[in-house]
Amino acid sequence: MILLDATWLFKMQDGPVWKRMAETERTFCRKNWWANLLFVNNYFTVDEPCLQQGWYLATDFQLFILGLLLLAFVRRFPKSFRPTMGLAIILSYVSPALVTYFYNLEGVVMIRPE
């Protein structure tokens, strides 16, 4: 998909906004293809996305690896199951709250007509 987006997709469609949008994405894909292949595009090259939907794949892969590491740790140390899972649950609640607070984001999606 990255190869298609970086080469032929630009020529496969036409429309009033297509050239501008596709040219920008083609440039970003040619420059940042490596971030999508390594599934790190949600940390690096965020301001120049290659595939808009690629952030989900990267996040899903990273959470899968984190889950495997947690399970490997719990399997190695079975008595640490409750504290480890408790810490993981607490961090899953606290980290979005801290990001929302420190970046001054709104807690809910606000759709405004302007």
PDB file of N, CA and C in Angstrom:
ATOM      1  N   MET A   1       0.821  -1.183   0.000  1.00  0.00           N
ATOM      2  CA  MET A   1       0.000   0.000   0.000  1.00  0.00           C
ATOM      3  C   MET A   1       0.868   1.251   0.000  1.00  0.00           C
ATOM      4  N   ILE A   2       1.961   1.219   0.761  1.00  0.00           N
ATOM      5  CA  ILE A   2       2.858   2.377   0.793  1.00  0.00           C
ATOM      6  C   ILE A   2       3.467   2.596  -0.584  1.00  0.00           C
ATOM      7  N   LEU A   3       3.876   1.512  -1.223  1.00  0.00           N
ATOM      8  CA  LEU A   3       4.459   1.614  -2.562  1.00  0.00           C
ATOM      9  C   LEU A   3       3.448   2.173  -3.557  1.00  0.00           C
ATOM     10  N   LEU A   4       2.219   1.711  -3.493  1.00  0.00           N
ATOM     11  CA  LEU A   4       1.169   2.229  -4.372  1.00  0.00           C
ATOM     12  C   LEU A   4       0.922   3.706  -4.102  1.00  0.00           C
ATOM     13  N   ASP A   5       0.863   4.079  -2.835  1.00  0.00           N
ATOM     14  CA  ASP A   5       0.601   5.468  -2.468  1.00  0.00           C
ATOM     15  C   ASP A   5       1.751   6.380  -2.889  1.00  0.00           C
ATOM     16  N   ALA A   6       2.959   5.876  -2.843  1.00  0.00           N
ATOM     17  CA  ALA A   6       4.120   6.698  -3.189  1.00  0.00           C
ATOM     18  C   ALA A   6       4.349   6.803  -4.692  1.00  0.00           C
ATOM     19  N   THR A   7       3.677   5.963  -5.485  1.00  0.00           N
ATOM     20  CA  THR A   7       3.944   5.973  -6.926  1.00  0.00           C
ATOM     21  C   THR A   7       2.698   6.212  -7.774  1.00  0.00           C
ATOM     22  N   TRP A   8       1.784   5.250  -7.858  1.00  0.00           N
ATOM     23  CA  TRP A   8       0.707   5.272  -8.849  1.00  0.00           C
ATOM     24  C   TRP A   8      -0.612   5.872  -8.392  1.00  0.00           C
ATOM     25  N   LEU A   9      -0.871   5.907  -7.116  1.00  0.00           N
ATOM     26  CA  LEU A   9      -2.174   6.370  -6.639  1.00  0.00           C
ATOM     27  C   LEU A   9      -2.476   7.798  -7.087  1.00  0.00           C
ATOM     28  N   PHE A  10      -1.453   8.606  -7.192  1.00  0.00           N
ATOM     29  CA  PHE A  10      -1.600   9.996  -7.624  1.00  0.00           C
ATOM     30  C   PHE A  10      -2.244  10.085  -9.009  1.00  0.00           C
ATOM     31  N   LYS A  11      -1.958   9.112  -9.877  1.00  0.00           N
ATOM     32  CA  LYS A  11      -2.446   9.151 -11.260  1.00  0.00           C
ATOM     33  C   LYS A  11      -3.736   8.364 -11.473  1.00  0.00           C
ATOM     34  N   MET A  12      -4.256   7.750 -10.439  1.00  0.00           N
ATOM     35  CA  MET A  12      -5.418   6.875 -10.595  1.00  0.00           C
ATOM     36  C   MET A  12      -6.754   7.571 -10.375  1.00  0.00           C
ATOM     37  N   GLN A  13      -6.751   8.831 -10.037  1.00  0.00           N
ATOM     38  CA  GLN A  13      -7.990   9.532  -9.742  1.00  0.00           C
ATOM     39  C   GLN A  13      -7.851  10.981 -10.177  1.00  0.00           C
ATOM     40  N   ASP A  14      -8.961  11.665 -10.218  1.00  0.00           N
ATOM     41  CA  ASP A  14      -8.947  13.074 -10.585  1.00  0.00           C
ATOM     42  C   ASP A  14     -10.108  13.751  -9.871  1.00  0.00           C
ATOM     43  N   GLY A  15      -9.920  14.990  -9.523  1.00  0.00           N
ATOM     44  CA  GLY A  15     -10.972  15.730  -8.840  1.00  0.00           C
ATOM     45  C   GLY A  15     -10.467  17.098  -8.433  1.00  0.00           C
ATOM     46  N   PRO A  16     -11.341  17.931  -7.888  1.00  0.00           N
ATOM     47  CA  PRO A  16     -10.953  19.301  -7.572  1.00  0.00           C
ATOM     48  C   PRO A  16      -9.873  19.407  -6.495  1.00  0.00           C
ATOM     49  N   VAL A  17      -9.859  18.509  -5.530  1.00  0.00           N
ATOM     50  CA  VAL A  17      -8.880  18.590  -4.448  1.00  0.00           C
ATOM     51  C   VAL A  17      -7.887  17.428  -4.498  1.00  0.00           C
ATOM     52  N   TRP A  18      -8.104  16.503  -5.402  1.00  0.00           N
ATOM     53  CA  TRP A  18      -7.319  15.273  -5.421  1.00  0.00           C
ATOM     54  C   TRP A  18      -5.836  15.530  -5.646  1.00  0.00           C
ATOM     55  N   LYS A  19      -5.499  16.354  -6.619  1.00  0.00           N
ATOM     56  CA  LYS A  19      -4.082  16.568  -6.939  1.00  0.00           C
ATOM     57  C   LYS A  19      -3.326  17.114  -5.739  1.00  0.00           C
ATOM     58  N   ARG A  20      -3.905  18.105  -5.070  1.00  0.00           N
ATOM     59  CA  ARG A  20      -3.221  18.704  -3.923  1.00  0.00           C
ATOM     60  C   ARG A  20      -3.080  17.696  -2.782  1.00  0.00           C
ATOM     61  N   MET A  21      -4.143  16.964  -2.494  1.00  0.00           N
ATOM     62  CA  MET A  21      -4.121  16.002  -1.401  1.00  0.00           C
ATOM     63  C   MET A  21      -3.194  14.826  -1.717  1.00  0.00           C
ATOM     64  N   ALA A  22      -3.319  14.280  -2.901  1.00  0.00           N
ATOM     65  CA  ALA A  22      -2.528  13.108  -3.271  1.00  0.00           C
ATOM     66  C   ALA A  22      -1.055  13.454  -3.438  1.00  0.00           C
ATOM     67  N   GLU A  23      -0.758  14.622  -3.946  1.00  0.00           N
ATOM     68  CA  GLU A  23       0.647  15.032  -4.095  1.00  0.00           C
ATOM     69  C   GLU A  23       1.315  15.167  -2.735  1.00  0.00           C
ATOM     70  N   THR A  24       0.605  15.729  -1.774  1.00  0.00           N
ATOM     71  CA  THR A  24       1.153  15.866  -0.426  1.00  0.00           C
ATOM     72  C   THR A  24       1.407  14.503   0.191  1.00  0.00           C
ATOM     73  N   GLU A  25       0.438  13.610   0.094  1.00  0.00           N
ATOM     74  CA  GLU A  25       0.608  12.282   0.672  1.00  0.00           C
ATOM     75  C   GLU A  25       1.696  11.496  -0.056  1.00  0.00           C
ATOM     76  N   ARG A  26       1.799  11.666  -1.357  1.00  0.00           N
ATOM     77  CA  ARG A  26       2.853  10.984  -2.115  1.00  0.00           C
ATOM     78  C   ARG A  26       4.229  11.450  -1.662  1.00  0.00           C
ATOM     79  N   THR A  27       4.377  12.744  -1.448  1.00  0.00           N
ATOM     80  CA  THR A  27       5.649  13.287  -0.967  1.00  0.00           C
ATOM     81  C   THR A  27       5.988  12.732   0.412  1.00  0.00           C
ATOM     82  N   PHE A  28       4.998  12.698   1.293  1.00  0.00           N
ATOM     83  CA  PHE A  28       5.232  12.180   2.641  1.00  0.00           C
ATOM     84  C   PHE A  28       5.560  10.690   2.616  1.00  0.00           C
ATOM     85  N   CYS A  29       4.909   9.921   1.738  1.00  0.00           N
ATOM     86  CA  CYS A  29       5.184   8.482   1.656  1.00  0.00           C
ATOM     87  C   CYS A  29       6.585   8.213   1.118  1.00  0.00           C
ATOM     88  N   ARG A  30       7.018   9.016   0.191  1.00  0.00           N
ATOM     89  CA  ARG A  30       8.373   8.836  -0.336  1.00  0.00           C
ATOM     90  C   ARG A  30       9.425   9.195   0.707  1.00  0.00           C
ATOM     91  N   LYS A  31       9.079  10.113   1.589  1.00  0.00           N
ATOM     92  CA  LYS A  31      10.032  10.563   2.602  1.00  0.00           C
ATOM     93  C   LYS A  31       9.983   9.703   3.869  1.00  0.00           C
ATOM     94  N   ASN A  32       8.796   9.268   4.277  1.00  0.00           N
ATOM     95  CA  ASN A  32       8.625   8.622   5.583  1.00  0.00           C
ATOM     96  C   ASN A  32       8.124   7.185   5.495  1.00  0.00           C
ATOM     97  N   TRP A  33       8.428   6.477   4.440  1.00  0.00           N
ATOM     98  CA  TRP A  33       7.956   5.108   4.269  1.00  0.00           C
ATOM     99  C   TRP A  33       8.448   4.190   5.378  1.00  0.00           C
ATOM    100  N   TRP A  34       9.651   4.441   5.871  1.00  0.00           N
ATOM    101  CA  TRP A  34      10.262   3.579   6.882  1.00  0.00           C
ATOM    102  C   TRP A  34       9.471   3.576   8.192  1.00  0.00           C
ATOM    103  N   ALA A  35       8.858   4.705   8.548  1.00  0.00           N
ATOM    104  CA  ALA A  35       8.111   4.787   9.810  1.00  0.00           C
ATOM    105  C   ALA A  35       6.881   3.885   9.776  1.00  0.00           C
ATOM    106  N   ASN A  36       6.231   3.777   8.637  1.00  0.00           N
ATOM    107  CA  ASN A  36       5.071   2.887   8.523  1.00  0.00           C
ATOM    108  C   ASN A  36       5.492   1.425   8.540  1.00  0.00           C
ATOM    109  N   LEU A  37       6.607   1.099   7.914  1.00  0.00           N
ATOM    110  CA  LEU A  37       7.055  -0.292   7.893  1.00  0.00           C
ATOM    111  C   LEU A  37       7.499  -0.773   9.270  1.00  0.00           C
ATOM    112  N   LEU A  38       8.049   0.132  10.090  1.00  0.00           N
ATOM    113  CA  LEU A  38       8.492  -0.231  11.434  1.00  0.00           C
ATOM    114  C   LEU A  38       7.408  -0.028  12.494  1.00  0.00           C
ATOM    115  N   PHE A  39       6.236   0.420  12.074  1.00  0.00           N
ATOM    116  CA  PHE A  39       5.106   0.685  12.974  1.00  0.00           C
ATOM    117  C   PHE A  39       5.463   1.686  14.074  1.00  0.00           C
ATOM    118  N   VAL A  40       6.170   2.736  13.713  1.00  0.00           N
ATOM    119  CA  VAL A  40       6.500   3.806  14.666  1.00  0.00           C
ATOM    120  C   VAL A  40       6.013   5.157  14.159  1.00  0.00           C
ATOM    121  N   ASN A  41       5.121   5.148  13.181  1.00  0.00           N
ATOM    122  CA  ASN A  41       4.659   6.399  12.584  1.00  0.00           C
ATOM    123  C   ASN A  41       3.765   7.210  13.507  1.00  0.00           C
ATOM    124  N   ASN A  42       3.332   6.651  14.627  1.00  0.00           N
ATOM    125  CA  ASN A  42       2.558   7.446  15.571  1.00  0.00           C
ATOM    126  C   ASN A  42       3.458   8.168  16.568  1.00  0.00           C
ATOM    127  N   TYR A  43       4.761   7.931  16.518  1.00  0.00           N
ATOM    128  CA  TYR A  43       5.729   8.663  17.334  1.00  0.00           C
ATOM    129  C   TYR A  43       6.637   9.541  16.485  1.00  0.00           C
ATOM    130  N   PHE A  44       7.074   9.027  15.360  1.00  0.00           N
ATOM    131  CA  PHE A  44       7.943   9.778  14.452  1.00  0.00           C
ATOM    132  C   PHE A  44       7.134  10.178  13.226  1.00  0.00           C
ATOM    133  N   THR A  45       7.487  11.249  12.617  1.00  0.00           N
ATOM    134  CA  THR A  45       6.856  11.761  11.387  1.00  0.00           C
ATOM    135  C   THR A  45       5.354  11.956  11.543  1.00  0.00           C
ATOM    136  N   VAL A  46       4.917  12.390  12.710  1.00  0.00           N
ATOM    137  CA  VAL A  46       3.483  12.583  12.957  1.00  0.00           C
ATOM    138  C   VAL A  46       2.944  13.737  12.126  1.00  0.00           C
ATOM    139  N   ASP A  47       3.741  14.772  11.936  1.00  0.00           N
ATOM    140  CA  ASP A  47       3.281  15.940  11.183  1.00  0.00           C
ATOM    141  C   ASP A  47       3.324  15.727   9.675  1.00  0.00           C
ATOM    142  N   GLU A  48       3.913  14.619   9.224  1.00  0.00           N
ATOM    143  CA  GLU A  48       3.967  14.295   7.798  1.00  0.00           C
ATOM    144  C   GLU A  48       3.506  12.847   7.593  1.00  0.00           C
ATOM    145  N   PRO A  49       2.213  12.575   7.737  1.00  0.00           N
ATOM    146  CA  PRO A  49       1.751  11.180   7.670  1.00  0.00           C
ATOM    147  C   PRO A  49       1.750  10.626   6.249  1.00  0.00           C
ATOM    148  N   CYS A  50       2.170   9.386   6.135  1.00  0.00           N
ATOM    149  CA  CYS A  50       2.150   8.715   4.832  1.00  0.00           C
ATOM    150  C   CYS A  50       0.756   8.156   4.572  1.00  0.00           C
ATOM    151  N   LEU A  51       0.318   7.218   5.354  1.00  0.00           N
ATOM    152  CA  LEU A  51      -1.034   6.666   5.249  1.00  0.00           C
ATOM    153  C   LEU A  51      -1.802   7.111   6.489  1.00  0.00           C
ATOM    154  N   GLN A  52      -2.905   7.798   6.284  1.00  0.00           N
ATOM    155  CA  GLN A  52      -3.657   8.331   7.421  1.00  0.00           C
ATOM    156  C   GLN A  52      -4.128   7.225   8.364  1.00  0.00           C
ATOM    157  N   GLN A  53      -4.498   6.077   7.822  1.00  0.00           N
ATOM    158  CA  GLN A  53      -4.993   4.992   8.653  1.00  0.00           C
ATOM    159  C   GLN A  53      -3.873   4.190   9.300  1.00  0.00           C
ATOM    160  N   GLY A  54      -2.626   4.484   8.971  1.00  0.00           N
ATOM    161  CA  GLY A  54      -1.501   3.720   9.499  1.00  0.00           C
ATOM    162  C   GLY A  54      -1.256   3.906  10.980  1.00  0.00           C
ATOM    163  N   TRP A  55      -1.731   5.009  11.568  1.00  0.00           N
ATOM    164  CA  TRP A  55      -1.508   5.220  12.996  1.00  0.00           C
ATOM    165  C   TRP A  55      -2.182   4.128  13.817  1.00  0.00           C
ATOM    166  N   TYR A  56      -3.328   3.636  13.352  1.00  0.00           N
ATOM    167  CA  TYR A  56      -4.030   2.600  14.104  1.00  0.00           C
ATOM    168  C   TYR A  56      -3.239   1.293  14.089  1.00  0.00           C
ATOM    169  N   LEU A  57      -2.690   0.942  12.947  1.00  0.00           N
ATOM    170  CA  LEU A  57      -1.893  -0.281  12.863  1.00  0.00           C
ATOM    171  C   LEU A  57      -0.676  -0.201  13.773  1.00  0.00           C
ATOM    172  N   ALA A  58      -0.019   0.960  13.795  1.00  0.00           N
ATOM    173  CA  ALA A  58       1.150   1.132  14.652  1.00  0.00           C
ATOM    174  C   ALA A  58       0.771   1.029  16.125  1.00  0.00           C
ATOM    175  N   THR A  59      -0.299   1.686  16.512  1.00  0.00           N
ATOM    176  CA  THR A  59      -0.738   1.644  17.907  1.00  0.00           C
ATOM    177  C   THR A  59      -1.155   0.236  18.308  1.00  0.00           C
ATOM    178  N   ASP A  60      -1.881  -0.443  17.451  1.00  0.00           N
ATOM    179  CA  ASP A  60      -2.316  -1.806  17.737  1.00  0.00           C
ATOM    180  C   ASP A  60      -1.112  -2.732  17.903  1.00  0.00           C
ATOM    181  N   PHE A  61      -0.126  -2.604  17.037  1.00  0.00           N
ATOM    182  CA  PHE A  61       1.073  -3.436  17.123  1.00  0.00           C
ATOM    183  C   PHE A  61       1.841  -3.160  18.412  1.00  0.00           C
ATOM    184  N   GLN A  62       1.990  -1.886  18.765  1.00  0.00           N
ATOM    185  CA  GLN A  62       2.730  -1.532  19.977  1.00  0.00           C
ATOM    186  C   GLN A  62       2.023  -2.042  21.233  1.00  0.00           C
ATOM    187  N   LEU A  63       0.697  -1.948  21.270  1.00  0.00           N
ATOM    188  CA  LEU A  63      -0.041  -2.469  22.420  1.00  0.00           C
ATOM    189  C   LEU A  63       0.017  -3.996  22.477  1.00  0.00           C
ATOM    190  N   PHE A  64       0.072  -4.649  21.331  1.00  0.00           N
ATOM    191  CA  PHE A  64       0.231  -6.101  21.294  1.00  0.00           C
ATOM    192  C   PHE A  64       1.569  -6.506  21.904  1.00  0.00           C
ATOM    193  N   ILE A  65       2.636  -5.812  21.530  1.00  0.00           N
ATOM    194  CA  ILE A  65       3.962  -6.100  22.085  1.00  0.00           C
ATOM    195  C   ILE A  65       3.983  -5.838  23.587  1.00  0.00           C
ATOM    196  N   LEU A  66       3.377  -4.739  24.019  1.00  0.00           N
ATOM    197  CA  LEU A  66       3.306  -4.440  25.448  1.00  0.00           C
ATOM    198  C   LEU A  66       2.549  -5.535  26.197  1.00  0.00           C
ATOM    199  N   GLY A  67       1.462  -6.010  25.628  1.00  0.00           N
ATOM    200  CA  GLY A  67       0.705  -7.098  26.245  1.00  0.00           C
ATOM    201  C   GLY A  67       1.519  -8.381  26.341  1.00  0.00           C
ATOM    202  N   LEU A  68       2.280  -8.684  25.297  1.00  0.00           N
ATOM    203  CA  LEU A  68       3.141  -9.870  25.342  1.00  0.00           C
ATOM    204  C   LEU A  68       4.197  -9.750  26.427  1.00  0.00           C
ATOM    205  N   LEU A  69       4.779  -8.566  26.568  1.00  0.00           N
ATOM    206  CA  LEU A  69       5.782  -8.356  27.616  1.00  0.00           C
ATOM    207  C   LEU A  69       5.171  -8.497  29.005  1.00  0.00           C
ATOM    208  N   LEU A  70       3.972  -7.954  29.183  1.00  0.00           N
ATOM    209  CA  LEU A  70       3.290  -8.103  30.476  1.00  0.00           C
ATOM    210  C   LEU A  70       2.993  -9.570  30.779  1.00  0.00           C
ATOM    211  N   LEU A  71       2.504 -10.292  29.791  1.00  0.00           N
ATOM    212  CA  LEU A  71       2.205 -11.708  30.004  1.00  0.00           C
ATOM    213  C   LEU A  71       3.465 -12.529  30.260  1.00  0.00           C
ATOM    214  N   ALA A  72       4.550 -12.214  29.576  1.00  0.00           N
ATOM    215  CA  ALA A  72       5.810 -12.919  29.814  1.00  0.00           C
ATOM    216  C   ALA A  72       6.315 -12.650  31.228  1.00  0.00           C
ATOM    217  N   PHE A  73       6.180 -11.412  31.692  1.00  0.00           N
ATOM    218  CA  PHE A  73       6.603 -11.064  33.050  1.00  0.00           C
ATOM    219  C   PHE A  73       5.760 -11.799  34.085  1.00  0.00           C
ATOM    220  N   VAL A  74       4.458 -11.823  33.889  1.00  0.00           N
ATOM    221  CA  VAL A  74       3.561 -12.489  34.837  1.00  0.00           C
ATOM    222  C   VAL A  74       3.780 -14.002  34.821  1.00  0.00           C
ATOM    223  N   ARG A  75       4.081 -14.529  33.665  1.00  0.00           N
ATOM    224  CA  ARG A  75       4.341 -15.975  33.599  1.00  0.00           C
ATOM    225  C   ARG A  75       5.648 -16.329  34.306  1.00  0.00           C
ATOM    226  N   ARG A  76       6.624 -15.448  34.186  1.00  0.00           N
ATOM    227  CA  ARG A  76       7.919 -15.685  34.844  1.00  0.00           C
ATOM    228  C   ARG A  76       7.802 -15.524  36.356  1.00  0.00           C
ATOM    229  N   PHE A  77       7.001 -14.560  36.789  1.00  0.00           N
ATOM    230  CA  PHE A  77       6.794 -14.290  38.213  1.00  0.00           C
ATOM    231  C   PHE A  77       5.292 -14.364  38.518  1.00  0.00           C
ATOM    232  N   PRO A  78       4.756 -15.555  38.739  1.00  0.00           N
ATOM    233  CA  PRO A  78       3.302 -15.719  38.900  1.00  0.00           C
ATOM    234  C   PRO A  78       2.705 -14.958  40.090  1.00  0.00           C
ATOM    235  N   LYS A  79       3.479 -14.757  41.138  1.00  0.00           N
ATOM    236  CA  LYS A  79       2.951 -14.048  42.307  1.00  0.00           C
ATOM    237  C   LYS A  79       2.766 -12.559  42.047  1.00  0.00           C
ATOM    238  N   SER A  80       3.325 -12.071  40.972  1.00  0.00           N
ATOM    239  CA  SER A  80       3.209 -10.637  40.669  1.00  0.00           C
ATOM    240  C   SER A  80       2.006 -10.329  39.779  1.00  0.00           C
ATOM    241  N   PHE A  81       1.118 -11.303  39.582  1.00  0.00           N
ATOM    242  CA  PHE A  81      -0.016 -11.096  38.676  1.00  0.00           C
ATOM    243  C   PHE A  81      -0.903  -9.938  39.115  1.00  0.00           C
ATOM    244  N   ARG A  82      -1.375  -9.981  40.345  1.00  0.00           N
ATOM    245  CA  ARG A  82      -2.293  -8.925  40.805  1.00  0.00           C
ATOM    246  C   ARG A  82      -1.639  -7.546  40.831  1.00  0.00           C
ATOM    247  N   PRO A  83      -0.440  -7.393  41.395  1.00  0.00           N
ATOM    248  CA  PRO A  83       0.163  -6.048  41.364  1.00  0.00           C
ATOM    249  C   PRO A  83       0.456  -5.550  39.949  1.00  0.00           C
ATOM    250  N   THR A  84       0.899  -6.446  39.077  1.00  0.00           N
ATOM    251  CA  THR A  84       1.212  -6.033  37.708  1.00  0.00           C
ATOM    252  C   THR A  84      -0.043  -5.610  36.961  1.00  0.00           C
ATOM    253  N   MET A  85      -1.090  -6.397  37.047  1.00  0.00           N
ATOM    254  CA  MET A  85      -2.333  -6.044  36.358  1.00  0.00           C
ATOM    255  C   MET A  85      -2.988  -4.821  36.990  1.00  0.00           C
ATOM    256  N   GLY A  86      -2.882  -4.694  38.304  1.00  0.00           N
ATOM    257  CA  GLY A  86      -3.405  -3.498  38.972  1.00  0.00           C
ATOM    258  C   GLY A  86      -2.689  -2.244  38.508  1.00  0.00           C
ATOM    259  N   LEU A  87      -1.357  -2.329  38.404  1.00  0.00           N
ATOM    260  CA  LEU A  87      -0.579  -1.188  37.912  1.00  0.00           C
ATOM    261  C   LEU A  87      -0.925  -0.876  36.461  1.00  0.00           C
ATOM    262  N   ALA A  88      -1.105  -1.902  35.650  1.00  0.00           N
ATOM    263  CA  ALA A  88      -1.464  -1.681  34.244  1.00  0.00           C
ATOM    264  C   ALA A  88      -2.827  -1.001  34.130  1.00  0.00           C
ATOM    265  N   ILE A  89      -3.771  -1.416  34.948  1.00  0.00           N
ATOM    266  CA  ILE A  89      -5.103  -0.795  34.915  1.00  0.00           C
ATOM    267  C   ILE A  89      -5.034   0.652  35.377  1.00  0.00           C
ATOM    268  N   ILE A  90      -4.295   0.907  36.450  1.00  0.00           N
ATOM    269  CA  ILE A  90      -4.158   2.284  36.948  1.00  0.00           C
ATOM    270  C   ILE A  90      -3.490   3.167  35.901  1.00  0.00           C
ATOM    271  N   LEU A  91      -2.427   2.665  35.278  1.00  0.00           N
ATOM    272  CA  LEU A  91      -1.742   3.455  34.245  1.00  0.00           C
ATOM    273  C   LEU A  91      -2.631   3.706  33.032  1.00  0.00           C
ATOM    274  N   SER A  92      -3.500   2.755  32.713  1.00  0.00           N
ATOM    275  CA  SER A  92      -4.381   2.958  31.562  1.00  0.00           C
ATOM    276  C   SER A  92      -5.425   4.036  31.824  1.00  0.00           C
ATOM    277  N   TYR A  93      -5.715   4.310  33.084  1.00  0.00           N
ATOM    278  CA  TYR A  93      -6.627   5.408  33.421  1.00  0.00           C
ATOM    279  C   TYR A  93      -5.885   6.725  33.614  1.00  0.00           C
ATOM    280  N   VAL A  94      -4.707   6.670  34.225  1.00  0.00           N
ATOM    281  CA  VAL A  94      -3.980   7.890  34.579  1.00  0.00           C
ATOM    282  C   VAL A  94      -3.308   8.523  33.365  1.00  0.00           C
ATOM    283  N   SER A  95      -2.735   7.724  32.479  1.00  0.00           N
ATOM    284  CA  SER A  95      -1.985   8.304  31.357  1.00  0.00           C
ATOM    285  C   SER A  95      -2.849   9.156  30.426  1.00  0.00           C
ATOM    286  N   PRO A  96      -4.052   8.747  30.016  1.00  0.00           N
ATOM    287  CA  PRO A  96      -4.864   9.658  29.196  1.00  0.00           C
ATOM    288  C   PRO A  96      -5.275  10.918  29.952  1.00  0.00           C
ATOM    289  N   ALA A  97      -5.513  10.782  31.253  1.00  0.00           N
ATOM    290  CA  ALA A  97      -5.877  11.962  32.042  1.00  0.00           C
ATOM    291  C   ALA A  97      -4.722  12.953  32.094  1.00  0.00           C
ATOM    292  N   LEU A  98      -3.499  12.463  32.255  1.00  0.00           N
ATOM    293  CA  LEU A  98      -2.337  13.354  32.296  1.00  0.00           C
ATOM    294  C   LEU A  98      -2.089  14.014  30.944  1.00  0.00           C
ATOM    295  N   VAL A  99      -2.234  13.261  29.871  1.00  0.00           N
ATOM    296  CA  VAL A  99      -2.065  13.839  28.535  1.00  0.00           C
ATOM    297  C   VAL A  99      -3.114  14.916  28.294  1.00  0.00           C
ATOM    298  N   THR A 100      -4.347  14.631  28.669  1.00  0.00           N
ATOM    299  CA  THR A 100      -5.423  15.617  28.510  1.00  0.00           C
ATOM    300  C   THR A 100      -5.142  16.870  29.320  1.00  0.00           C
ATOM    301  N   TYR A 101      -4.652  16.710  30.528  1.00  0.00           N
ATOM    302  CA  TYR A 101      -4.386  17.855  31.402  1.00  0.00           C
ATOM    303  C   TYR A 101      -3.193  18.674  30.910  1.00  0.00           C
ATOM    304  N   PHE A 102      -2.060  18.023  30.656  1.00  0.00           N
ATOM    305  CA  PHE A 102      -0.838  18.756  30.318  1.00  0.00           C
ATOM    306  C   PHE A 102      -0.876  19.386  28.928  1.00  0.00           C
ATOM    307  N   TYR A 103      -1.601  18.786  27.995  1.00  0.00           N
ATOM    308  CA  TYR A 103      -1.728  19.374  26.665  1.00  0.00           C
ATOM    309  C   TYR A 103      -2.961  20.265  26.543  1.00  0.00           C
ATOM    310  N   ASN A 104      -3.656  20.472  27.648  1.00  0.00           N
ATOM    311  CA  ASN A 104      -4.817  21.358  27.705  1.00  0.00           C
ATOM    312  C   ASN A 104      -5.871  20.964  26.659  1.00  0.00           C
ATOM    313  N   LEU A 105      -6.155  19.673  26.588  1.00  0.00           N
ATOM    314  CA  LEU A 105      -7.156  19.160  25.661  1.00  0.00           C
ATOM    315  C   LEU A 105      -8.517  19.121  26.345  1.00  0.00           C
ATOM    316  N   GLU A 106      -9.553  19.042  25.556  1.00  0.00           N
ATOM    317  CA  GLU A 106     -10.888  18.896  26.124  1.00  0.00           C
ATOM    318  C   GLU A 106     -11.150  17.418  26.399  1.00  0.00           C
ATOM    319  N   GLY A 107     -11.878  17.148  27.453  1.00  0.00           N
ATOM    320  CA  GLY A 107     -12.137  15.772  27.859  1.00  0.00           C
ATOM    321  C   GLY A 107     -13.060  15.012  26.930  1.00  0.00           C
ATOM    322  N   VAL A 108     -13.862  15.729  26.164  1.00  0.00           N
ATOM    323  CA  VAL A 108     -14.776  15.107  25.207  1.00  0.00           C
ATOM    324  C   VAL A 108     -14.597  15.791  23.860  1.00  0.00           C
ATOM    325  N   VAL A 109     -15.039  15.145  22.815  1.00  0.00           N
ATOM    326  CA  VAL A 109     -14.951  15.734  21.479  1.00  0.00           C
ATOM    327  C   VAL A 109     -16.028  16.803  21.355  1.00  0.00           C
ATOM    328  N   MET A 110     -15.603  18.006  21.051  1.00  0.00           N
ATOM    329  CA  MET A 110     -16.536  19.118  20.884  1.00  0.00           C
ATOM    330  C   MET A 110     -16.628  19.452  19.400  1.00  0.00           C
ATOM    331  N   ILE A 111     -17.812  19.321  18.829  1.00  0.00           N
ATOM    332  CA  ILE A 111     -18.022  19.658  17.425  1.00  0.00           C
ATOM    333  C   ILE A 111     -18.651  21.041  17.374  1.00  0.00           C
ATOM    334  N   ARG A 112     -17.903  21.958  16.792  1.00  0.00           N
ATOM    335  CA  ARG A 112     -18.367  23.339  16.714  1.00  0.00           C
ATOM    336  C   ARG A 112     -18.582  23.719  15.253  1.00  0.00           C
ATOM    337  N   PRO A 113     -19.599  24.523  14.968  1.00  0.00           N
ATOM    338  CA  PRO A 113     -19.898  24.862  13.571  1.00  0.00           C
ATOM    339  C   PRO A 113     -18.882  25.789  12.914  1.00  0.00           C
ATOM    340  N   GLU A 114     -18.047  26.481  13.668  1.00  0.00           N
ATOM    341  CA  GLU A 114     -17.111  27.403  13.014  1.00  0.00           C
ATOM    342  C   GLU A 114     -16.019  26.623  12.405  1.00  0.00           C
TER     343      GLU A 114
END
